[in-house]
Amino acid sequence: MSATDSNSTPLAHSARRGAPEQTYRDHVANVRRFASKFAREAAAHSEKWREPFQAVVDLAAAYHDLGKLDEIFQDILRRNRANREGFNHVEAGTAHLLKLKQGEAALCCFAHHVGLRSLGEAGRTPLISNTDQGAQFTSPGFVDAVQSAGVEVSMD
């Protein structure tokens, strides 16, 4: 890839440790392909939730690195240098998915970058679980599980 191309084509990864740079488009396409494969395998035995689960995973995969498109981060990647500005690319995809009211995909996107703690691991249990009124959140199984952990259920 020429210097001109590298300045106009968004990157997801700089060339490092012998690996070539990777364009944003190629990276997201690869992540979506692998995520789709894993989602199909994970949902293979759930006819009811297969399609919704796969849709959530695909959205999370599509937006997981959205923050890398910011010019600050692109400059870091193009120059193949350390992120001394402290720019965090993680939240952009999560925030965008939340704006689209795709909470499950936002959670997956966030968890991809920072992981999820168990309720007890954080040192305290959350006081409120705020969800929408979708069937998966109003089901007795979900509500009972959340309330048995000492968490109040709040639905928008």
N, C-alpha and C. Protein backbone atom coordinates (compact mmCIF):
# COMPACT_ATOMS: atom_id res chain seq x y z
N MET A 1 0.85 -1.17 0.00
CA MET A 1 0.00 0.00 0.00
C MET A 1 0.89 1.23 0.00
N SER A 2 0.63 2.19 -0.86
CA SER A 2 1.45 3.39 -0.96
C SER A 2 1.10 4.36 0.16
N ALA A 3 1.97 5.36 0.35
CA ALA A 3 1.73 6.36 1.39
C ALA A 3 0.42 7.10 1.13
N THR A 4 0.11 7.37 -0.13
CA THR A 4 -1.14 8.05 -0.46
C THR A 4 -2.33 7.20 -0.06
N ASP A 5 -2.27 5.91 -0.39
CA ASP A 5 -3.36 5.01 -0.03
C ASP A 5 -3.52 4.92 1.48
N SER A 6 -2.40 4.84 2.20
CA SER A 6 -2.49 4.66 3.64
C SER A 6 -3.06 5.89 4.32
N ASN A 7 -2.96 7.08 3.69
CA ASN A 7 -3.53 8.28 4.27
C ASN A 7 -5.01 8.42 3.98
N SER A 8 -5.51 7.72 2.96
CA SER A 8 -6.92 7.86 2.62
C SER A 8 -7.74 6.63 3.02
N THR A 9 -7.11 5.50 3.18
CA THR A 9 -7.81 4.28 3.55
C THR A 9 -7.71 4.10 5.06
N PRO A 10 -8.84 4.10 5.75
CA PRO A 10 -8.79 3.94 7.21
C PRO A 10 -8.16 2.61 7.61
N LEU A 11 -7.37 2.67 8.67
CA LEU A 11 -6.70 1.48 9.19
C LEU A 11 -7.38 1.01 10.47
N ALA A 12 -7.24 -0.28 10.72
CA ALA A 12 -7.66 -0.85 12.00
C ALA A 12 -6.44 -1.21 12.83
N HIS A 13 -5.35 -1.59 12.14
CA HIS A 13 -4.11 -1.97 12.84
C HIS A 13 -2.91 -1.49 12.05
N SER A 14 -1.91 -1.01 12.76
CA SER A 14 -0.64 -0.64 12.15
C SER A 14 0.17 -1.90 11.87
N ALA A 15 1.18 -1.76 11.02
CA ALA A 15 2.11 -2.87 10.80
C ALA A 15 2.96 -3.02 12.07
N ARG A 16 2.95 -4.21 12.64
CA ARG A 16 3.72 -4.45 13.87
C ARG A 16 4.19 -5.88 13.94
N ARG A 17 5.37 -6.04 14.52
CA ARG A 17 5.94 -7.38 14.78
C ARG A 17 5.86 -8.28 13.55
N GLY A 18 6.15 -7.73 12.40
CA GLY A 18 6.17 -8.52 11.18
C GLY A 18 4.83 -8.67 10.49
N ALA A 19 3.76 -8.26 11.14
CA ALA A 19 2.42 -8.34 10.52
C ALA A 19 2.17 -7.04 9.75
N PRO A 20 1.56 -7.14 8.58
CA PRO A 20 1.28 -5.93 7.80
C PRO A 20 0.14 -5.12 8.42
N GLU A 21 0.02 -3.86 7.99
CA GLU A 21 -1.11 -3.07 8.46
C GLU A 21 -2.39 -3.71 7.94
N GLN A 22 -3.48 -3.44 8.63
CA GLN A 22 -4.76 -4.00 8.22
C GLN A 22 -5.77 -2.86 8.08
N THR A 23 -6.46 -2.81 6.95
CA THR A 23 -7.45 -1.76 6.76
C THR A 23 -8.64 -2.00 7.68
N TYR A 24 -9.33 -0.93 7.98
CA TYR A 24 -10.52 -1.01 8.81
C TYR A 24 -11.55 -1.93 8.15
N ARG A 25 -11.74 -1.75 6.85
CA ARG A 25 -12.73 -2.56 6.12
C ARG A 25 -12.40 -4.05 6.22
N ASP A 26 -11.14 -4.41 5.99
CA ASP A 26 -10.75 -5.82 6.06
C ASP A 26 -10.91 -6.37 7.48
N HIS A 27 -10.52 -5.57 8.45
CA HIS A 27 -10.60 -6.01 9.85
C HIS A 27 -12.05 -6.28 10.25
N VAL A 28 -12.93 -5.33 9.96
CA VAL A 28 -14.33 -5.49 10.34
C VAL A 28 -14.95 -6.67 9.59
N ALA A 29 -14.61 -6.83 8.32
CA ALA A 29 -15.14 -7.97 7.55
C ALA A 29 -14.68 -9.29 8.17
N ASN A 30 -13.42 -9.38 8.57
CA ASN A 30 -12.90 -10.60 9.21
C ASN A 30 -13.58 -10.85 10.55
N VAL A 31 -13.72 -9.81 11.35
CA VAL A 31 -14.36 -9.96 12.67
C VAL A 31 -15.81 -10.41 12.48
N ARG A 32 -16.51 -9.80 11.54
CA ARG A 32 -17.91 -10.19 11.31
C ARG A 32 -18.00 -11.64 10.85
N ARG A 33 -17.08 -12.06 10.00
CA ARG A 33 -17.09 -13.45 9.52
C ARG A 33 -16.87 -14.43 10.67
N PHE A 34 -15.86 -14.18 11.48
CA PHE A 34 -15.59 -15.07 12.61
C PHE A 34 -16.70 -15.01 13.65
N ALA A 35 -17.20 -13.82 13.96
CA ALA A 35 -18.27 -13.67 14.94
C ALA A 35 -19.53 -14.40 14.47
N SER A 36 -19.81 -14.32 13.17
CA SER A 36 -20.98 -15.01 12.62
C SER A 36 -20.84 -16.52 12.78
N LYS A 37 -19.65 -17.02 12.51
CA LYS A 37 -19.39 -18.46 12.66
C LYS A 37 -19.59 -18.89 14.11
N PHE A 38 -19.02 -18.13 15.05
CA PHE A 38 -19.15 -18.48 16.45
C PHE A 38 -20.59 -18.35 16.93
N ALA A 39 -21.30 -17.32 16.45
CA ALA A 39 -22.70 -17.13 16.85
C ALA A 39 -23.57 -18.27 16.33
N ARG A 40 -23.33 -18.72 15.10
CA ARG A 40 -24.09 -19.86 14.57
C ARG A 40 -23.87 -21.09 15.42
N GLU A 41 -22.62 -21.33 15.79
CA GLU A 41 -22.30 -22.50 16.62
C GLU A 41 -22.94 -22.37 18.01
N ALA A 42 -22.88 -21.17 18.59
CA ALA A 42 -23.42 -20.97 19.94
C ALA A 42 -24.94 -21.09 19.95
N ALA A 43 -25.60 -20.70 18.87
CA ALA A 43 -27.06 -20.70 18.82
C ALA A 43 -27.63 -21.91 18.09
N ALA A 44 -26.80 -22.88 17.81
CA ALA A 44 -27.23 -24.03 17.00
C ALA A 44 -28.41 -24.78 17.60
N HIS A 45 -28.53 -24.77 18.89
CA HIS A 45 -29.58 -25.58 19.54
C HIS A 45 -30.75 -24.74 20.03
N SER A 46 -30.84 -23.51 19.57
CA SER A 46 -31.94 -22.64 20.00
C SER A 46 -32.64 -22.06 18.78
N GLU A 47 -33.62 -22.75 18.33
CA GLU A 47 -34.39 -22.28 17.17
C GLU A 47 -35.01 -20.91 17.44
N LYS A 48 -35.53 -20.72 18.63
CA LYS A 48 -36.22 -19.48 18.97
C LYS A 48 -35.28 -18.26 18.96
N TRP A 49 -34.06 -18.42 19.49
CA TRP A 49 -33.17 -17.28 19.67
C TRP A 49 -32.05 -17.20 18.64
N ARG A 50 -31.99 -18.16 17.73
CA ARG A 50 -30.88 -18.20 16.76
C ARG A 50 -30.74 -16.90 15.98
N GLU A 51 -31.79 -16.50 15.29
CA GLU A 51 -31.69 -15.29 14.45
C GLU A 51 -31.47 -14.01 15.26
N PRO A 52 -32.22 -13.79 16.35
CA PRO A 52 -31.95 -12.57 17.12
C PRO A 52 -30.53 -12.53 17.69
N PHE A 53 -30.04 -13.68 18.16
CA PHE A 53 -28.69 -13.74 18.71
C PHE A 53 -27.66 -13.43 17.63
N GLN A 54 -27.82 -14.03 16.48
CA GLN A 54 -26.88 -13.78 15.39
C GLN A 54 -26.92 -12.32 14.95
N ALA A 55 -28.10 -11.70 14.95
CA ALA A 55 -28.21 -10.29 14.58
C ALA A 55 -27.47 -9.39 15.59
N VAL A 56 -27.61 -9.71 16.87
CA VAL A 56 -26.93 -8.94 17.92
C VAL A 56 -25.42 -9.06 17.76
N VAL A 57 -24.94 -10.26 17.56
CA VAL A 57 -23.50 -10.49 17.41
C VAL A 57 -22.97 -9.77 16.17
N ASP A 58 -23.73 -9.80 15.07
CA ASP A 58 -23.29 -9.13 13.85
C ASP A 58 -23.19 -7.62 14.05
N LEU A 59 -24.18 -7.03 14.72
CA LEU A 59 -24.11 -5.59 15.00
C LEU A 59 -22.89 -5.24 15.86
N ALA A 60 -22.66 -6.02 16.90
CA ALA A 60 -21.51 -5.78 17.77
C ALA A 60 -20.21 -5.88 16.98
N ALA A 61 -20.11 -6.89 16.14
CA ALA A 61 -18.90 -7.07 15.33
C ALA A 61 -18.71 -5.92 14.35
N ALA A 62 -19.80 -5.46 13.75
CA ALA A 62 -19.72 -4.39 12.76
C ALA A 62 -19.26 -3.06 13.38
N TYR A 63 -19.63 -2.79 14.62
CA TYR A 63 -19.34 -1.49 15.23
C TYR A 63 -18.27 -1.53 16.31
N HIS A 64 -17.67 -2.68 16.57
CA HIS A 64 -16.77 -2.79 17.73
C HIS A 64 -15.57 -1.86 17.69
N ASP A 65 -15.08 -1.50 16.53
CA ASP A 65 -13.91 -0.62 16.43
C ASP A 65 -14.23 0.72 15.78
N LEU A 66 -15.47 1.16 15.87
CA LEU A 66 -15.90 2.41 15.25
C LEU A 66 -15.00 3.59 15.64
N GLY A 67 -14.56 3.62 16.87
CA GLY A 67 -13.71 4.72 17.34
C GLY A 67 -12.39 4.83 16.62
N LYS A 68 -11.96 3.75 15.98
CA LYS A 68 -10.69 3.80 15.24
C LYS A 68 -10.80 4.66 13.98
N LEU A 69 -12.01 5.01 13.58
CA LEU A 69 -12.18 5.87 12.40
C LEU A 69 -11.93 7.34 12.71
N ASP A 70 -11.86 7.70 13.98
CA ASP A 70 -11.56 9.08 14.35
C ASP A 70 -10.18 9.46 13.83
N GLU A 71 -10.04 10.69 13.36
CA GLU A 71 -8.76 11.14 12.78
C GLU A 71 -7.60 11.07 13.77
N ILE A 72 -7.86 11.30 15.05
CA ILE A 72 -6.79 11.20 16.04
C ILE A 72 -6.23 9.78 16.04
N PHE A 73 -7.12 8.80 16.07
CA PHE A 73 -6.67 7.41 16.10
C PHE A 73 -6.06 7.01 14.76
N GLN A 74 -6.61 7.49 13.66
CA GLN A 74 -6.04 7.18 12.35
C GLN A 74 -4.61 7.72 12.24
N ASP A 75 -4.37 8.90 12.80
CA ASP A 75 -3.01 9.46 12.79
C ASP A 75 -2.06 8.55 13.57
N ILE A 76 -2.52 8.05 14.70
CA ILE A 76 -1.71 7.13 15.51
C ILE A 76 -1.38 5.88 14.69
N LEU A 77 -2.39 5.32 14.02
CA LEU A 77 -2.17 4.10 13.24
C LEU A 77 -1.29 4.36 12.01
N ARG A 78 -1.53 5.47 11.32
CA ARG A 78 -0.74 5.77 10.11
C ARG A 78 0.74 5.97 10.43
N ARG A 79 1.00 6.59 11.57
CA ARG A 79 2.38 6.85 11.97
C ARG A 79 2.99 5.68 12.74
N ASN A 80 2.15 4.66 13.00
CA ASN A 80 2.60 3.46 13.69
C ASN A 80 3.33 3.83 14.98
N ARG A 81 2.67 4.61 15.79
CA ARG A 81 3.29 5.06 17.04
C ARG A 81 2.37 4.77 18.23
N ALA A 82 2.93 4.93 19.39
CA ALA A 82 2.17 4.68 20.61
C ALA A 82 1.06 5.71 20.76
N ASN A 83 0.01 5.34 21.43
CA ASN A 83 -1.14 6.20 21.67
C ASN A 83 -0.86 7.07 22.89
N ARG A 84 -0.06 8.10 22.73
CA ARG A 84 0.31 8.98 23.85
C ARG A 84 -0.78 9.99 24.18
N GLU A 85 -1.72 10.17 23.27
CA GLU A 85 -2.82 11.10 23.50
C GLU A 85 -3.84 10.51 24.47
N GLY A 86 -3.76 9.22 24.72
CA GLY A 86 -4.71 8.56 25.59
C GLY A 86 -6.07 8.38 24.94
N PHE A 87 -6.10 8.46 23.61
CA PHE A 87 -7.37 8.33 22.89
C PHE A 87 -7.89 6.91 23.05
N ASN A 88 -9.14 6.80 23.46
CA ASN A 88 -9.76 5.50 23.69
C ASN A 88 -10.79 5.26 22.60
N HIS A 89 -10.55 4.27 21.76
CA HIS A 89 -11.46 3.99 20.64
C HIS A 89 -12.62 3.09 21.05
N VAL A 90 -12.63 2.61 22.27
CA VAL A 90 -13.56 1.57 22.70
C VAL A 90 -15.01 2.04 22.78
N GLU A 91 -15.25 3.22 23.32
CA GLU A 91 -16.62 3.63 23.61
C GLU A 91 -17.46 4.02 22.40
N ALA A 92 -16.85 4.39 21.28
CA ALA A 92 -17.61 4.92 20.14
C ALA A 92 -18.62 3.91 19.62
N GLY A 93 -18.21 2.67 19.41
CA GLY A 93 -19.13 1.66 18.91
C GLY A 93 -20.25 1.37 19.89
N THR A 94 -19.90 1.29 21.17
CA THR A 94 -20.90 1.05 22.20
C THR A 94 -21.90 2.20 22.25
N ALA A 95 -21.41 3.44 22.22
CA ALA A 95 -22.30 4.61 22.26
C ALA A 95 -23.21 4.65 21.03
N HIS A 96 -22.65 4.34 19.88
CA HIS A 96 -23.46 4.35 18.65
C HIS A 96 -24.57 3.30 18.72
N LEU A 97 -24.23 2.13 19.18
CA LEU A 97 -25.24 1.07 19.31
C LEU A 97 -26.32 1.44 20.33
N LEU A 98 -25.93 2.10 21.40
CA LEU A 98 -26.92 2.56 22.38
C LEU A 98 -27.85 3.61 21.76
N LYS A 99 -27.31 4.51 20.94
CA LYS A 99 -28.15 5.49 20.24
C LYS A 99 -29.16 4.80 19.34
N LEU A 100 -28.74 3.69 18.74
CA LEU A 100 -29.63 2.92 17.87
C LEU A 100 -30.60 2.04 18.67
N LYS A 101 -30.51 2.14 20.01
CA LYS A 101 -31.34 1.33 20.91
C LYS A 101 -31.08 -0.17 20.72
N GLN A 102 -29.81 -0.49 20.54
CA GLN A 102 -29.36 -1.87 20.39
C GLN A 102 -28.53 -2.24 21.62
N GLY A 103 -29.21 -2.30 22.78
CA GLY A 103 -28.52 -2.52 24.05
C GLY A 103 -27.74 -3.81 24.13
N GLU A 104 -28.30 -4.89 23.62
CA GLU A 104 -27.59 -6.17 23.69
C GLU A 104 -26.30 -6.12 22.86
N ALA A 105 -26.38 -5.53 21.67
CA ALA A 105 -25.19 -5.41 20.82
C ALA A 105 -24.17 -4.47 21.47
N ALA A 106 -24.65 -3.40 22.11
CA ALA A 106 -23.75 -2.47 22.80
C ALA A 106 -23.01 -3.19 23.92
N LEU A 107 -23.72 -4.02 24.66
CA LEU A 107 -23.08 -4.78 25.74
C LEU A 107 -22.02 -5.72 25.18
N CYS A 108 -22.33 -6.40 24.10
CA CYS A 108 -21.35 -7.29 23.47
C CYS A 108 -20.13 -6.52 22.98
N CYS A 109 -20.37 -5.38 22.38
CA CYS A 109 -19.28 -4.54 21.87
C CYS A 109 -18.38 -4.09 23.03
N PHE A 110 -18.99 -3.62 24.09
CA PHE A 110 -18.24 -3.17 25.26
C PHE A 110 -17.47 -4.33 25.88
N ALA A 111 -18.13 -5.47 26.02
CA ALA A 111 -17.50 -6.64 26.63
C ALA A 111 -16.33 -7.14 25.79
N HIS A 112 -16.43 -6.99 24.48
CA HIS A 112 -15.33 -7.42 23.60
C HIS A 112 -14.04 -6.70 23.99
N HIS A 113 -14.13 -5.45 24.35
CA HIS A 113 -12.94 -4.67 24.66
C HIS A 113 -12.51 -4.73 26.12
N VAL A 114 -13.47 -4.72 27.03
CA VAL A 114 -13.09 -4.62 28.44
C VAL A 114 -13.51 -5.80 29.29
N GLY A 115 -14.26 -6.72 28.72
CA GLY A 115 -14.72 -7.87 29.48
C GLY A 115 -15.87 -7.51 30.40
N LEU A 116 -16.40 -8.49 31.07
CA LEU A 116 -17.50 -8.29 32.00
C LEU A 116 -17.12 -8.88 33.35
N ARG A 117 -17.43 -8.17 34.38
CA ARG A 117 -17.19 -8.69 35.72
C ARG A 117 -18.43 -9.43 36.19
N SER A 118 -18.23 -10.39 37.05
CA SER A 118 -19.39 -11.00 37.69
C SER A 118 -19.90 -9.99 38.72
N LEU A 119 -21.14 -10.15 39.14
CA LEU A 119 -21.72 -9.18 40.07
C LEU A 119 -20.89 -9.03 41.34
N GLY A 120 -20.42 -10.12 41.90
CA GLY A 120 -19.66 -10.06 43.14
C GLY A 120 -18.24 -9.56 42.96
N GLU A 121 -17.69 -9.73 41.77
CA GLU A 121 -16.29 -9.38 41.52
C GLU A 121 -16.04 -7.88 41.65
N ALA A 122 -17.03 -7.07 41.32
CA ALA A 122 -16.87 -5.63 41.36
C ALA A 122 -16.83 -5.09 42.79
N GLY A 123 -17.09 -5.95 43.77
CA GLY A 123 -17.06 -5.51 45.15
C GLY A 123 -18.43 -5.12 45.66
N ARG A 124 -19.37 -4.96 44.75
CA ARG A 124 -20.74 -4.65 45.16
C ARG A 124 -21.69 -5.04 44.03
N THR A 125 -22.90 -5.27 44.39
CA THR A 125 -23.93 -5.63 43.42
C THR A 125 -24.58 -4.35 42.90
N PRO A 126 -24.83 -4.26 41.60
CA PRO A 126 -25.54 -3.07 41.12
C PRO A 126 -26.91 -2.97 41.81
N LEU A 127 -27.39 -1.77 41.99
CA LEU A 127 -28.67 -1.57 42.66
C LEU A 127 -29.85 -1.73 41.72
N ILE A 128 -29.65 -1.35 40.45
CA ILE A 128 -30.74 -1.37 39.48
C ILE A 128 -30.26 -1.96 38.16
N SER A 129 -31.09 -2.80 37.57
CA SER A 129 -30.87 -3.28 36.20
C SER A 129 -31.89 -2.59 35.32
N ASN A 130 -31.44 -1.66 34.49
CA ASN A 130 -32.35 -0.89 33.65
C ASN A 130 -32.39 -1.50 32.26
N THR A 131 -33.56 -1.99 31.86
CA THR A 131 -33.72 -2.63 30.56
C THR A 131 -34.93 -2.06 29.85
N ASP A 132 -35.10 -2.45 28.60
CA ASP A 132 -36.36 -2.11 27.93
C ASP A 132 -37.38 -3.17 28.32
N GLN A 133 -38.55 -3.15 27.69
CA GLN A 133 -39.60 -4.09 28.07
C GLN A 133 -39.71 -5.25 27.09
N GLY A 134 -38.61 -5.59 26.43
CA GLY A 134 -38.61 -6.74 25.53
C GLY A 134 -38.89 -8.02 26.29
N ALA A 135 -39.40 -9.00 25.57
CA ALA A 135 -39.80 -10.27 26.19
C ALA A 135 -38.67 -10.93 26.96
N GLN A 136 -37.43 -10.78 26.45
CA GLN A 136 -36.31 -11.43 27.13
C GLN A 136 -36.06 -10.81 28.50
N PHE A 137 -36.45 -9.54 28.71
CA PHE A 137 -36.22 -8.87 29.98
C PHE A 137 -37.42 -8.95 30.91
N THR A 138 -38.60 -9.26 30.38
CA THR A 138 -39.78 -9.34 31.23
C THR A 138 -40.12 -10.78 31.60
N SER A 139 -39.35 -11.72 31.07
CA SER A 139 -39.62 -13.12 31.39
C SER A 139 -39.37 -13.37 32.87
N PRO A 140 -40.18 -14.24 33.48
CA PRO A 140 -40.00 -14.53 34.90
C PRO A 140 -38.59 -15.03 35.22
N GLY A 141 -37.99 -15.81 34.33
CA GLY A 141 -36.64 -16.32 34.59
C GLY A 141 -35.62 -15.22 34.73
N PHE A 142 -35.67 -14.23 33.83
CA PHE A 142 -34.73 -13.11 33.89
C PHE A 142 -34.98 -12.26 35.13
N VAL A 143 -36.23 -11.89 35.35
CA VAL A 143 -36.58 -11.03 36.48
C VAL A 143 -36.20 -11.71 37.79
N ASP A 144 -36.52 -12.99 37.93
CA ASP A 144 -36.17 -13.72 39.17
C ASP A 144 -34.67 -13.76 39.38
N ALA A 145 -33.91 -14.01 38.32
CA ALA A 145 -32.44 -14.08 38.45
C ALA A 145 -31.86 -12.75 38.90
N VAL A 146 -32.35 -11.67 38.31
CA VAL A 146 -31.85 -10.34 38.67
C VAL A 146 -32.25 -10.00 40.11
N GLN A 147 -33.52 -10.22 40.44
CA GLN A 147 -33.97 -9.88 41.79
C GLN A 147 -33.33 -10.76 42.85
N SER A 148 -33.05 -12.03 42.53
CA SER A 148 -32.41 -12.91 43.52
C SER A 148 -30.98 -12.46 43.81
N ALA A 149 -30.39 -11.67 42.91
CA ALA A 149 -29.05 -11.13 43.15
C ALA A 149 -29.12 -9.83 43.93
N GLY A 150 -30.35 -9.43 44.33
CA GLY A 150 -30.52 -8.21 45.10
C GLY A 150 -30.57 -6.96 44.26
N VAL A 151 -30.90 -7.12 42.98
CA VAL A 151 -30.93 -5.99 42.06
C VAL A 151 -32.37 -5.65 41.72
N GLU A 152 -32.70 -4.37 41.79
CA GLU A 152 -34.06 -3.92 41.42
C GLU A 152 -34.16 -3.85 39.90
N VAL A 153 -35.30 -4.27 39.37
CA VAL A 153 -35.52 -4.24 37.93
C VAL A 153 -36.25 -2.95 37.57
N SER A 154 -35.70 -2.22 36.61
CA SER A 154 -36.33 -1.00 36.11
C SER A 154 -36.45 -1.14 34.60
N MET A 155 -37.63 -0.85 34.07
CA MET A 155 -37.84 -1.00 32.63
C MET A 155 -38.30 0.32 32.02
N ASP A 156 -37.61 0.74 30.96
CA ASP A 156 -37.96 1.97 30.24
C ASP A 156 -39.15 1.75 29.35
